[in-house]
Protein backbone atom coordinates (compact mmCIF):
# COMPACT_ATOMS: atom_id res chain seq x y z
CA UNK A 1 0.00 0.00 0.00
CA UNK A 2 2.84 2.37 0.84
CA UNK A 3 4.46 1.91 -2.60
CA UNK A 4 1.20 1.89 -4.57
CA UNK A 5 -0.01 5.28 -3.32
CA UNK A 6 3.02 7.27 -4.61
CA UNK A 7 2.72 5.45 -7.93
CA UNK A 8 -0.94 6.42 -8.29
CA UNK A 9 -0.15 9.99 -7.27
CA UNK A 10 2.68 10.11 -9.79
CA UNK A 11 0.37 8.85 -12.54
CA UNK A 12 -2.19 11.54 -11.64
CA UNK A 13 0.43 14.32 -11.61
CA UNK A 14 1.87 13.26 -14.97
CA UNK A 15 -1.46 13.35 -16.74
CA UNK A 16 -2.59 16.50 -14.98
CA UNK A 17 0.61 18.24 -16.04
CA UNK A 18 0.30 17.02 -19.63
CA UNK A 19 -3.31 18.24 -19.69
CA UNK A 20 -2.21 21.76 -18.71
CA UNK A 21 0.39 21.79 -21.49
CA UNK A 22 -2.20 20.61 -24.03
CA UNK A 23 -4.55 23.36 -22.88
CA UNK A 24 -1.93 25.92 -23.88
CA UNK A 25 -1.65 24.29 -27.32
CA UNK A 26 -5.44 24.41 -27.76
CA UNK A 27 -5.51 28.10 -26.77
CA UNK A 28 -2.93 28.86 -29.47
CA UNK A 29 -4.69 26.77 -32.14
CA UNK A 30 -7.80 28.93 -31.80
CA UNK A 31 -6.05 31.60 -33.91
CA UNK A 32 -5.66 30.50 -37.52
CA UNK A 33 -2.07 30.35 -38.88
CA UNK A 34 -3.28 32.01 -42.08
CA UNK A 35 -3.71 35.28 -40.17
CA UNK A 36 -0.08 35.36 -38.99
CA UNK A 37 0.77 38.00 -41.57
CA UNK A 38 -1.63 40.49 -40.00
CA UNK A 39 0.03 42.43 -37.14
CA UNK A 40 -3.08 42.51 -34.94
CA UNK A 41 -3.57 38.73 -35.07
CA UNK A 42 0.14 38.10 -34.60
CA UNK A 43 0.17 40.30 -31.51
CA UNK A 44 -2.96 38.58 -30.21
CA UNK A 45 -1.31 35.17 -30.61
CA UNK A 46 1.84 36.30 -28.80
CA UNK A 47 -0.15 37.87 -25.97
CA UNK A 48 -2.12 34.65 -25.58
CA UNK A 49 1.11 32.63 -25.54
CA UNK A 50 2.55 34.78 -22.74
CA UNK A 51 -0.66 34.89 -20.70
CA UNK A 52 -1.22 31.12 -20.89
CA UNK A 53 2.42 29.99 -20.56
CA UNK A 54 2.37 29.99 -16.71
CA UNK A 55 -0.22 27.22 -16.92
CA UNK A 56 2.11 25.16 -19.13
CA UNK A 57 5.05 25.85 -16.80
CA UNK A 58 3.07 24.46 -13.87
CA UNK A 59 2.08 21.51 -16.05
CA UNK A 60 5.69 20.66 -16.87
CA UNK A 61 6.66 20.83 -13.21
CA UNK A 62 3.78 18.52 -12.32
CA UNK A 63 4.98 16.08 -14.98
CA UNK A 64 8.47 16.07 -13.48
CA UNK A 65 7.16 15.59 -9.94
CA UNK A 66 4.97 12.74 -11.12
CA UNK A 67 7.89 11.00 -12.81
CA UNK A 68 10.04 11.34 -9.71
CA UNK A 69 7.32 9.73 -7.62
CA UNK A 70 7.11 6.86 -10.11
CA UNK A 71 10.83 6.17 -10.13
CA UNK A 72 12.73 7.46 -7.12
CA UNK A 73 16.09 6.51 -8.62
CA UNK A 74 15.81 8.87 -11.59
CA UNK A 75 13.62 10.28 -14.31
CA UNK A 76 11.80 7.97 -16.65
CA UNK A 77 13.57 8.72 -19.95
CA UNK A 78 10.63 9.28 -22.36
CA UNK A 79 8.72 11.68 -20.14
CA UNK A 80 11.92 13.36 -18.99
CA UNK A 81 12.92 14.06 -22.58
CA UNK A 82 9.38 15.15 -23.47
CA UNK A 83 9.20 17.62 -20.59
CA UNK A 84 12.66 18.96 -21.40
CA UNK A 85 11.96 19.42 -25.11
CA UNK A 86 8.63 21.13 -24.41
CA UNK A 87 10.32 23.43 -21.92
CA UNK A 88 13.00 24.36 -24.49
CA UNK A 89 10.38 25.09 -27.16
CA UNK A 90 8.34 27.27 -24.82
CA UNK A 91 11.47 29.09 -23.63
CA UNK A 92 12.42 29.88 -27.24
CA UNK A 93 8.82 30.92 -28.01
CA UNK A 94 8.75 33.37 -25.11
CA UNK A 95 12.13 34.82 -26.07
CA UNK A 96 10.91 35.29 -29.65
CA UNK A 97 7.77 36.96 -28.29
CA UNK A 98 9.75 39.81 -26.70
CA UNK A 99 10.56 41.79 -29.92
CA UNK A 100 7.03 41.22 -31.25
CA UNK A 101 5.57 42.59 -28.02
CA UNK A 102 7.91 45.59 -28.08
CA UNK A 103 7.03 46.45 -31.70
CA UNK A 104 3.33 45.94 -31.00
CA UNK A 105 3.52 48.14 -27.92
CA UNK A 106 5.20 50.92 -29.90
CA UNK A 107 2.57 50.72 -32.64
CA UNK A 108 -0.40 50.72 -30.28
CA UNK A 109 1.08 53.49 -28.14
CA UNK A 110 1.70 55.63 -31.24
CA UNK A 111 -1.87 55.13 -32.43
CA UNK A 112 -3.29 55.98 -29.01
CA UNK A 113 -1.10 59.11 -28.79
CA UNK A 114 -2.27 60.29 -32.19
CA UNK A 115 -5.92 59.86 -31.21
CA UNK A 116 -5.40 61.69 -27.92
CA UNK A 117 -3.54 64.52 -29.64
CA UNK A 118 -6.33 64.88 -32.21
CA UNK A 119 -8.97 65.01 -29.47
CA UNK A 120 -6.90 67.47 -27.46
CA UNK A 121 -6.53 69.71 -30.52
CA UNK A 122 -10.26 69.66 -31.11
CA UNK A 123 -10.95 70.64 -27.51
CA UNK A 124 -8.40 73.45 -27.68
CA UNK A 125 -10.03 74.77 -30.85
CA UNK A 126 -13.48 74.57 -29.27
CA UNK A 127 -12.29 76.43 -26.18
CA UNK A 128 -10.73 79.15 -28.31
CA UNK A 129 -14.11 79.71 -29.96
CA UNK A 130 -15.59 80.72 -26.61
CA UNK A 131 -13.60 83.94 -26.79
CA UNK A 132 -14.60 84.56 -30.41
CA UNK A 133 -17.73 86.78 -30.51
CA UNK A 134 -18.72 85.68 -34.01
CA UNK A 135 -18.47 81.99 -33.14
CA UNK A 136 -20.34 82.57 -29.89
CA UNK A 137 -23.17 84.32 -31.78
CA UNK A 138 -23.42 81.32 -34.08
CA UNK A 139 -23.76 79.03 -31.05
CA UNK A 140 -26.46 81.35 -29.68
CA UNK A 141 -28.34 81.16 -32.96
CA UNK A 142 -28.13 77.38 -32.98
CA UNK A 143 -29.31 77.19 -29.38
CA UNK A 144 -32.25 79.48 -30.17
CA UNK A 145 -33.30 77.31 -33.10
CA UNK A 146 -33.09 74.22 -30.86
CA UNK A 147 -35.27 75.93 -28.23
CA UNK A 148 -32.57 75.78 -25.57
CA UNK A 149 -32.74 79.48 -24.66
CA UNK A 150 -35.59 81.52 -23.11
CA UNK A 151 -37.12 83.88 -25.65
CA UNK A 152 -37.39 86.75 -23.16
CA UNK A 153 -33.66 86.71 -22.31
CA UNK A 154 -31.49 89.55 -23.53
CA UNK A 155 -28.67 89.04 -26.03
CA UNK A 156 -26.04 89.27 -23.30
CA UNK A 157 -27.90 86.78 -21.12
CA UNK A 158 -28.19 84.39 -24.04
CA UNK A 159 -24.46 84.61 -24.65
CA UNK A 160 -23.79 83.90 -20.97
CA UNK A 161 -26.12 80.90 -20.99
CA UNK A 162 -24.55 79.50 -24.15
CA UNK A 163 -21.05 80.08 -22.77
CA UNK A 164 -22.00 78.21 -19.58
CA UNK A 165 -23.45 75.30 -21.59
CA UNK A 166 -20.37 75.10 -23.78
CA UNK A 167 -18.10 75.33 -20.74
CA UNK A 168 -19.87 72.39 -19.11
CA UNK A 169 -19.59 70.35 -22.30
CA UNK A 170 -15.90 71.16 -22.59
CA UNK A 171 -15.27 70.19 -18.98
CA UNK A 172 -17.00 66.86 -19.54
CA UNK A 173 -14.99 66.27 -22.72
CA UNK A 174 -11.74 67.18 -20.94
CA UNK A 175 -12.64 64.78 -18.14
CA UNK A 176 -13.19 62.03 -20.69
CA UNK A 177 -9.87 62.89 -22.32
CA UNK A 178 -8.14 62.59 -18.96
CA UNK A 179 -9.71 59.17 -18.43
CA UNK A 180 -8.56 58.10 -21.90
CA UNK A 181 -5.00 59.17 -21.07
CA UNK A 182 -5.13 57.18 -17.83
CA UNK A 183 -6.44 54.15 -19.72
CA UNK A 184 -3.63 54.58 -22.27
CA UNK A 185 -1.02 54.67 -19.51
CA UNK A 186 -2.53 51.59 -17.86
CA UNK A 187 -2.52 49.68 -21.15
CA UNK A 188 1.11 50.66 -21.81
CA UNK A 189 2.20 49.48 -18.36
CA UNK A 190 0.24 46.28 -18.76
CA UNK A 191 1.84 45.50 -22.12
CA UNK A 192 5.36 46.34 -20.94
CA UNK A 193 5.27 44.75 -17.49
CA UNK A 194 2.63 42.07 -17.97
CA UNK A 195 3.76 41.33 -21.52
CA UNK A 196 7.46 41.90 -22.11
CA UNK A 197 8.46 41.43 -18.47
CA UNK A 198 6.36 38.27 -18.13
CA UNK A 199 7.81 36.82 -21.35
CA UNK A 200 11.38 37.29 -20.07
CA UNK A 201 10.60 35.68 -16.71
CA UNK A 202 8.75 32.81 -18.37
CA UNK A 203 11.70 32.18 -20.68
CA UNK A 204 13.94 31.92 -17.60
CA UNK A 205 11.46 29.61 -15.88
CA UNK A 206 11.18 27.27 -18.87
CA UNK A 207 14.98 27.22 -19.25
CA UNK A 208 15.39 26.16 -15.62
CA UNK A 209 12.71 23.52 -16.10
CA UNK A 210 14.51 22.18 -19.18
CA UNK A 211 17.77 22.00 -17.23
CA UNK A 212 16.02 20.13 -14.44
CA UNK A 213 14.52 17.64 -16.88
CA UNK A 214 17.54 17.05 -19.16
CA UNK A 215 20.68 17.87 -17.18
CA UNK A 216 20.32 18.18 -13.43
CA UNK A 217 18.17 15.12 -12.78
CA UNK A 218 19.48 11.62 -13.59
CA UNK A 219 17.98 9.65 -16.46
C-alpha atoms as a PDB file:
ATOM      1  CA  UNK A   1       0.000   0.000   0.000  1.00  0.00           C
ATOM      2  CA  UNK A   2       2.844   2.373   0.843  1.00  0.00           C
ATOM      3  CA  UNK A   3       4.463   1.910  -2.597  1.00  0.00           C
ATOM      4  CA  UNK A   4       1.196   1.886  -4.565  1.00  0.00           C
ATOM      5  CA  UNK A   5      -0.006   5.281  -3.324  1.00  0.00           C
ATOM      6  CA  UNK A   6       3.021   7.274  -4.607  1.00  0.00           C
ATOM      7  CA  UNK A   7       2.715   5.448  -7.933  1.00  0.00           C
ATOM      8  CA  UNK A   8      -0.943   6.417  -8.286  1.00  0.00           C
ATOM      9  CA  UNK A   9      -0.148   9.990  -7.273  1.00  0.00           C
ATOM     10  CA  UNK A  10       2.684  10.107  -9.793  1.00  0.00           C
ATOM     11  CA  UNK A  11       0.365   8.850 -12.541  1.00  0.00           C
ATOM     12  CA  UNK A  12      -2.188  11.539 -11.644  1.00  0.00           C
ATOM     13  CA  UNK A  13       0.429  14.320 -11.611  1.00  0.00           C
ATOM     14  CA  UNK A  14       1.871  13.261 -14.971  1.00  0.00           C
ATOM     15  CA  UNK A  15      -1.460  13.346 -16.742  1.00  0.00           C
ATOM     16  CA  UNK A  16      -2.588  16.504 -14.980  1.00  0.00           C
ATOM     17  CA  UNK A  17       0.614  18.237 -16.043  1.00  0.00           C
ATOM     18  CA  UNK A  18       0.302  17.017 -19.627  1.00  0.00           C
ATOM     19  CA  UNK A  19      -3.313  18.242 -19.690  1.00  0.00           C
ATOM     20  CA  UNK A  20      -2.210  21.764 -18.712  1.00  0.00           C
ATOM     21  CA  UNK A  21       0.386  21.790 -21.492  1.00  0.00           C
ATOM     22  CA  UNK A  22      -2.200  20.611 -24.029  1.00  0.00           C
ATOM     23  CA  UNK A  23      -4.554  23.361 -22.877  1.00  0.00           C
ATOM     24  CA  UNK A  24      -1.927  25.916 -23.883  1.00  0.00           C
ATOM     25  CA  UNK A  25      -1.651  24.290 -27.319  1.00  0.00           C
ATOM     26  CA  UNK A  26      -5.436  24.411 -27.762  1.00  0.00           C
ATOM     27  CA  UNK A  27      -5.509  28.096 -26.771  1.00  0.00           C
ATOM     28  CA  UNK A  28      -2.931  28.857 -29.472  1.00  0.00           C
ATOM     29  CA  UNK A  29      -4.686  26.773 -32.137  1.00  0.00           C
ATOM     30  CA  UNK A  30      -7.797  28.933 -31.799  1.00  0.00           C
ATOM     31  CA  UNK A  31      -6.051  31.603 -33.909  1.00  0.00           C
ATOM     32  CA  UNK A  32      -5.661  30.499 -37.523  1.00  0.00           C
ATOM     33  CA  UNK A  33      -2.073  30.349 -38.878  1.00  0.00           C
ATOM     34  CA  UNK A  34      -3.285  32.013 -42.084  1.00  0.00           C
ATOM     35  CA  UNK A  35      -3.711  35.284 -40.172  1.00  0.00           C
ATOM     36  CA  UNK A  36      -0.082  35.357 -38.988  1.00  0.00           C
ATOM     37  CA  UNK A  37       0.773  38.001 -41.570  1.00  0.00           C
ATOM     38  CA  UNK A  38      -1.631  40.493 -39.996  1.00  0.00           C
ATOM     39  CA  UNK A  39       0.035  42.427 -37.136  1.00  0.00           C
ATOM     40  CA  UNK A  40      -3.076  42.507 -34.940  1.00  0.00           C
ATOM     41  CA  UNK A  41      -3.573  38.731 -35.068  1.00  0.00           C
ATOM     42  CA  UNK A  42       0.137  38.104 -34.598  1.00  0.00           C
ATOM     43  CA  UNK A  43       0.173  40.303 -31.510  1.00  0.00           C
ATOM     44  CA  UNK A  44      -2.960  38.580 -30.213  1.00  0.00           C
ATOM     45  CA  UNK A  45      -1.309  35.170 -30.607  1.00  0.00           C
ATOM     46  CA  UNK A  46       1.845  36.302 -28.804  1.00  0.00           C
ATOM     47  CA  UNK A  47      -0.150  37.871 -25.974  1.00  0.00           C
ATOM     48  CA  UNK A  48      -2.115  34.653 -25.576  1.00  0.00           C
ATOM     49  CA  UNK A  49       1.107  32.635 -25.540  1.00  0.00           C
ATOM     50  CA  UNK A  50       2.552  34.780 -22.738  1.00  0.00           C
ATOM     51  CA  UNK A  51      -0.656  34.892 -20.697  1.00  0.00           C
ATOM     52  CA  UNK A  52      -1.219  31.118 -20.889  1.00  0.00           C
ATOM     53  CA  UNK A  53       2.419  29.986 -20.556  1.00  0.00           C
ATOM     54  CA  UNK A  54       2.374  29.985 -16.713  1.00  0.00           C
ATOM     55  CA  UNK A  55      -0.224  27.218 -16.923  1.00  0.00           C
ATOM     56  CA  UNK A  56       2.105  25.165 -19.129  1.00  0.00           C
ATOM     57  CA  UNK A  57       5.051  25.845 -16.796  1.00  0.00           C
ATOM     58  CA  UNK A  58       3.072  24.455 -13.865  1.00  0.00           C
ATOM     59  CA  UNK A  59       2.075  21.509 -16.046  1.00  0.00           C
ATOM     60  CA  UNK A  60       5.692  20.658 -16.871  1.00  0.00           C
ATOM     61  CA  UNK A  61       6.659  20.829 -13.212  1.00  0.00           C
ATOM     62  CA  UNK A  62       3.778  18.520 -12.319  1.00  0.00           C
ATOM     63  CA  UNK A  63       4.975  16.079 -14.977  1.00  0.00           C
ATOM     64  CA  UNK A  64       8.472  16.070 -13.475  1.00  0.00           C
ATOM     65  CA  UNK A  65       7.156  15.588  -9.939  1.00  0.00           C
ATOM     66  CA  UNK A  66       4.971  12.744 -11.125  1.00  0.00           C
ATOM     67  CA  UNK A  67       7.890  11.001 -12.810  1.00  0.00           C
ATOM     68  CA  UNK A  68      10.038  11.336  -9.710  1.00  0.00           C
ATOM     69  CA  UNK A  69       7.318   9.730  -7.622  1.00  0.00           C
ATOM     70  CA  UNK A  70       7.111   6.864 -10.112  1.00  0.00           C
ATOM     71  CA  UNK A  71      10.829   6.171 -10.131  1.00  0.00           C
ATOM     72  CA  UNK A  72      12.730   7.461  -7.123  1.00  0.00           C
ATOM     73  CA  UNK A  73      16.086   6.514  -8.619  1.00  0.00           C
ATOM     74  CA  UNK A  74      15.809   8.868 -11.593  1.00  0.00           C
ATOM     75  CA  UNK A  75      13.617  10.279 -14.309  1.00  0.00           C
ATOM     76  CA  UNK A  76      11.797   7.968 -16.651  1.00  0.00           C
ATOM     77  CA  UNK A  77      13.574   8.724 -19.953  1.00  0.00           C
ATOM     78  CA  UNK A  78      10.626   9.276 -22.361  1.00  0.00           C
ATOM     79  CA  UNK A  79       8.719  11.680 -20.143  1.00  0.00           C
ATOM     80  CA  UNK A  80      11.921  13.361 -18.990  1.00  0.00           C
ATOM     81  CA  UNK A  81      12.924  14.064 -22.579  1.00  0.00           C
ATOM     82  CA  UNK A  82       9.381  15.151 -23.474  1.00  0.00           C
ATOM     83  CA  UNK A  83       9.199  17.617 -20.592  1.00  0.00           C
ATOM     84  CA  UNK A  84      12.659  18.957 -21.399  1.00  0.00           C
ATOM     85  CA  UNK A  85      11.960  19.424 -25.108  1.00  0.00           C
ATOM     86  CA  UNK A  86       8.634  21.131 -24.414  1.00  0.00           C
ATOM     87  CA  UNK A  87      10.323  23.429 -21.923  1.00  0.00           C
ATOM     88  CA  UNK A  88      12.999  24.358 -24.488  1.00  0.00           C
ATOM     89  CA  UNK A  89      10.383  25.087 -27.164  1.00  0.00           C
ATOM     90  CA  UNK A  90       8.344  27.265 -24.822  1.00  0.00           C
ATOM     91  CA  UNK A  91      11.466  29.094 -23.635  1.00  0.00           C
ATOM     92  CA  UNK A  92      12.415  29.885 -27.243  1.00  0.00           C
ATOM     93  CA  UNK A  93       8.823  30.922 -28.012  1.00  0.00           C
ATOM     94  CA  UNK A  94       8.748  33.374 -25.115  1.00  0.00           C
ATOM     95  CA  UNK A  95      12.134  34.819 -26.069  1.00  0.00           C
ATOM     96  CA  UNK A  96      10.909  35.290 -29.648  1.00  0.00           C
ATOM     97  CA  UNK A  97       7.772  36.957 -28.287  1.00  0.00           C
ATOM     98  CA  UNK A  98       9.751  39.814 -26.704  1.00  0.00           C
ATOM     99  CA  UNK A  99      10.560  41.786 -29.915  1.00  0.00           C
ATOM    100  CA  UNK A 100       7.034  41.217 -31.253  1.00  0.00           C
ATOM    101  CA  UNK A 101       5.568  42.593 -28.018  1.00  0.00           C
ATOM    102  CA  UNK A 102       7.912  45.589 -28.079  1.00  0.00           C
ATOM    103  CA  UNK A 103       7.025  46.454 -31.696  1.00  0.00           C
ATOM    104  CA  UNK A 104       3.331  45.935 -31.000  1.00  0.00           C
ATOM    105  CA  UNK A 105       3.522  48.144 -27.925  1.00  0.00           C
ATOM    106  CA  UNK A 106       5.203  50.924 -29.903  1.00  0.00           C
ATOM    107  CA  UNK A 107       2.569  50.717 -32.640  1.00  0.00           C
ATOM    108  CA  UNK A 108      -0.399  50.720 -30.282  1.00  0.00           C
ATOM    109  CA  UNK A 109       1.076  53.490 -28.144  1.00  0.00           C
ATOM    110  CA  UNK A 110       1.704  55.633 -31.236  1.00  0.00           C
ATOM    111  CA  UNK A 111      -1.867  55.130 -32.432  1.00  0.00           C
ATOM    112  CA  UNK A 112      -3.292  55.977 -29.006  1.00  0.00           C
ATOM    113  CA  UNK A 113      -1.098  59.105 -28.785  1.00  0.00           C
ATOM    114  CA  UNK A 114      -2.275  60.289 -32.189  1.00  0.00           C
ATOM    115  CA  UNK A 115      -5.920  59.857 -31.210  1.00  0.00           C
ATOM    116  CA  UNK A 116      -5.398  61.685 -27.924  1.00  0.00           C
ATOM    117  CA  UNK A 117      -3.536  64.524 -29.644  1.00  0.00           C
ATOM    118  CA  UNK A 118      -6.326  64.884 -32.212  1.00  0.00           C
ATOM    119  CA  UNK A 119      -8.969  65.006 -29.468  1.00  0.00           C
ATOM    120  CA  UNK A 120      -6.896  67.472 -27.456  1.00  0.00           C
ATOM    121  CA  UNK A 121      -6.529  69.711 -30.515  1.00  0.00           C
ATOM    122  CA  UNK A 122     -10.265  69.661 -31.113  1.00  0.00           C
ATOM    123  CA  UNK A 123     -10.951  70.641 -27.515  1.00  0.00           C
ATOM    124  CA  UNK A 124      -8.399  73.454 -27.680  1.00  0.00           C
ATOM    125  CA  UNK A 125     -10.026  74.767 -30.851  1.00  0.00           C
ATOM    126  CA  UNK A 126     -13.484  74.566 -29.273  1.00  0.00           C
ATOM    127  CA  UNK A 127     -12.285  76.435 -26.179  1.00  0.00           C
ATOM    128  CA  UNK A 128     -10.729  79.152 -28.309  1.00  0.00           C
ATOM    129  CA  UNK A 129     -14.109  79.706 -29.961  1.00  0.00           C
ATOM    130  CA  UNK A 130     -15.588  80.719 -26.608  1.00  0.00           C
ATOM    131  CA  UNK A 131     -13.599  83.940 -26.792  1.00  0.00           C
ATOM    132  CA  UNK A 132     -14.603  84.560 -30.411  1.00  0.00           C
ATOM    133  CA  UNK A 133     -17.731  86.780 -30.514  1.00  0.00           C
ATOM    134  CA  UNK A 134     -18.724  85.683 -34.011  1.00  0.00           C
ATOM    135  CA  UNK A 135     -18.470  81.986 -33.138  1.00  0.00           C
ATOM    136  CA  UNK A 136     -20.343  82.569 -29.892  1.00  0.00           C
ATOM    137  CA  UNK A 137     -23.171  84.319 -31.781  1.00  0.00           C
ATOM    138  CA  UNK A 138     -23.423  81.319 -34.077  1.00  0.00           C
ATOM    139  CA  UNK A 139     -23.765  79.033 -31.053  1.00  0.00           C
ATOM    140  CA  UNK A 140     -26.456  81.352 -29.682  1.00  0.00           C
ATOM    141  CA  UNK A 141     -28.335  81.163 -32.964  1.00  0.00           C
ATOM    142  CA  UNK A 142     -28.133  77.378 -32.985  1.00  0.00           C
ATOM    143  CA  UNK A 143     -29.312  77.191 -29.378  1.00  0.00           C
ATOM    144  CA  UNK A 144     -32.254  79.480 -30.166  1.00  0.00           C
ATOM    145  CA  UNK A 145     -33.298  77.306 -33.098  1.00  0.00           C
ATOM    146  CA  UNK A 146     -33.091  74.223 -30.859  1.00  0.00           C
ATOM    147  CA  UNK A 147     -35.268  75.933 -28.227  1.00  0.00           C
ATOM    148  CA  UNK A 148     -32.570  75.778 -25.570  1.00  0.00           C
ATOM    149  CA  UNK A 149     -32.744  79.479 -24.661  1.00  0.00           C
ATOM    150  CA  UNK A 150     -35.592  81.521 -23.113  1.00  0.00           C
ATOM    151  CA  UNK A 151     -37.118  83.878 -25.647  1.00  0.00           C
ATOM    152  CA  UNK A 152     -37.392  86.749 -23.161  1.00  0.00           C
ATOM    153  CA  UNK A 153     -33.665  86.709 -22.307  1.00  0.00           C
ATOM    154  CA  UNK A 154     -31.494  89.554 -23.533  1.00  0.00           C
ATOM    155  CA  UNK A 155     -28.675  89.038 -26.032  1.00  0.00           C
ATOM    156  CA  UNK A 156     -26.035  89.274 -23.301  1.00  0.00           C
ATOM    157  CA  UNK A 157     -27.896  86.776 -21.122  1.00  0.00           C
ATOM    158  CA  UNK A 158     -28.186  84.386 -24.044  1.00  0.00           C
ATOM    159  CA  UNK A 159     -24.457  84.615 -24.648  1.00  0.00           C
ATOM    160  CA  UNK A 160     -23.794  83.903 -20.970  1.00  0.00           C
ATOM    161  CA  UNK A 161     -26.116  80.898 -20.993  1.00  0.00           C
ATOM    162  CA  UNK A 162     -24.550  79.504 -24.153  1.00  0.00           C
ATOM    163  CA  UNK A 163     -21.048  80.081 -22.766  1.00  0.00           C
ATOM    164  CA  UNK A 164     -22.004  78.206 -19.585  1.00  0.00           C
ATOM    165  CA  UNK A 165     -23.450  75.300 -21.589  1.00  0.00           C
ATOM    166  CA  UNK A 166     -20.374  75.099 -23.780  1.00  0.00           C
ATOM    167  CA  UNK A 167     -18.097  75.330 -20.739  1.00  0.00           C
ATOM    168  CA  UNK A 168     -19.874  72.386 -19.108  1.00  0.00           C
ATOM    169  CA  UNK A 169     -19.587  70.348 -22.299  1.00  0.00           C
ATOM    170  CA  UNK A 170     -15.904  71.156 -22.594  1.00  0.00           C
ATOM    171  CA  UNK A 171     -15.270  70.193 -18.980  1.00  0.00           C
ATOM    172  CA  UNK A 172     -16.998  66.856 -19.544  1.00  0.00           C
ATOM    173  CA  UNK A 173     -14.992  66.272 -22.720  1.00  0.00           C
ATOM    174  CA  UNK A 174     -11.743  67.183 -20.944  1.00  0.00           C
ATOM    175  CA  UNK A 175     -12.638  64.785 -18.136  1.00  0.00           C
ATOM    176  CA  UNK A 176     -13.189  62.027 -20.690  1.00  0.00           C
ATOM    177  CA  UNK A 177      -9.870  62.890 -22.319  1.00  0.00           C
ATOM    178  CA  UNK A 178      -8.136  62.591 -18.958  1.00  0.00           C
ATOM    179  CA  UNK A 179      -9.708  59.166 -18.427  1.00  0.00           C
ATOM    180  CA  UNK A 180      -8.563  58.105 -21.896  1.00  0.00           C
ATOM    181  CA  UNK A 181      -4.999  59.174 -21.069  1.00  0.00           C
ATOM    182  CA  UNK A 182      -5.125  57.179 -17.827  1.00  0.00           C
ATOM    183  CA  UNK A 183      -6.441  54.151 -19.718  1.00  0.00           C
ATOM    184  CA  UNK A 184      -3.634  54.578 -22.274  1.00  0.00           C
ATOM    185  CA  UNK A 185      -1.016  54.675 -19.514  1.00  0.00           C
ATOM    186  CA  UNK A 186      -2.534  51.593 -17.859  1.00  0.00           C
ATOM    187  CA  UNK A 187      -2.516  49.684 -21.155  1.00  0.00           C
ATOM    188  CA  UNK A 188       1.113  50.657 -21.810  1.00  0.00           C
ATOM    189  CA  UNK A 189       2.201  49.477 -18.357  1.00  0.00           C
ATOM    190  CA  UNK A 190       0.239  46.277 -18.763  1.00  0.00           C
ATOM    191  CA  UNK A 191       1.841  45.501 -22.123  1.00  0.00           C
ATOM    192  CA  UNK A 192       5.355  46.344 -20.936  1.00  0.00           C
ATOM    193  CA  UNK A 193       5.268  44.755 -17.493  1.00  0.00           C
ATOM    194  CA  UNK A 194       2.631  42.072 -17.967  1.00  0.00           C
ATOM    195  CA  UNK A 195       3.759  41.330 -21.524  1.00  0.00           C
ATOM    196  CA  UNK A 196       7.465  41.904 -22.113  1.00  0.00           C
ATOM    197  CA  UNK A 197       8.460  41.426 -18.465  1.00  0.00           C
ATOM    198  CA  UNK A 198       6.365  38.266 -18.134  1.00  0.00           C
ATOM    199  CA  UNK A 199       7.814  36.818 -21.353  1.00  0.00           C
ATOM    200  CA  UNK A 200      11.381  37.286 -20.073  1.00  0.00           C
ATOM    201  CA  UNK A 201      10.601  35.680 -16.707  1.00  0.00           C
ATOM    202  CA  UNK A 202       8.747  32.805 -18.370  1.00  0.00           C
ATOM    203  CA  UNK A 203      11.702  32.181 -20.678  1.00  0.00           C
ATOM    204  CA  UNK A 204      13.942  31.918 -17.600  1.00  0.00           C
ATOM    205  CA  UNK A 205      11.455  29.605 -15.879  1.00  0.00           C
ATOM    206  CA  UNK A 206      11.180  27.269 -18.875  1.00  0.00           C
ATOM    207  CA  UNK A 207      14.977  27.221 -19.248  1.00  0.00           C
ATOM    208  CA  UNK A 208      15.387  26.165 -15.624  1.00  0.00           C
ATOM    209  CA  UNK A 209      12.706  23.517 -16.104  1.00  0.00           C
ATOM    210  CA  UNK A 210      14.509  22.183 -19.177  1.00  0.00           C
ATOM    211  CA  UNK A 211      17.771  22.005 -17.234  1.00  0.00           C
ATOM    212  CA  UNK A 212      16.016  20.128 -14.445  1.00  0.00           C
ATOM    213  CA  UNK A 213      14.524  17.639 -16.884  1.00  0.00           C
ATOM    214  CA  UNK A 214      17.539  17.048 -19.158  1.00  0.00           C
ATOM    215  CA  UNK A 215      20.681  17.875 -17.180  1.00  0.00           C
ATOM    216  CA  UNK A 216      20.321  18.177 -13.433  1.00  0.00           C
ATOM    217  CA  UNK A 217      18.166  15.124 -12.783  1.00  0.00           C
ATOM    218  CA  UNK A 218      19.482  11.625 -13.593  1.00  0.00           C
ATOM    219  CA  UNK A 219      17.975   9.646 -16.463  1.00  0.00           C
END
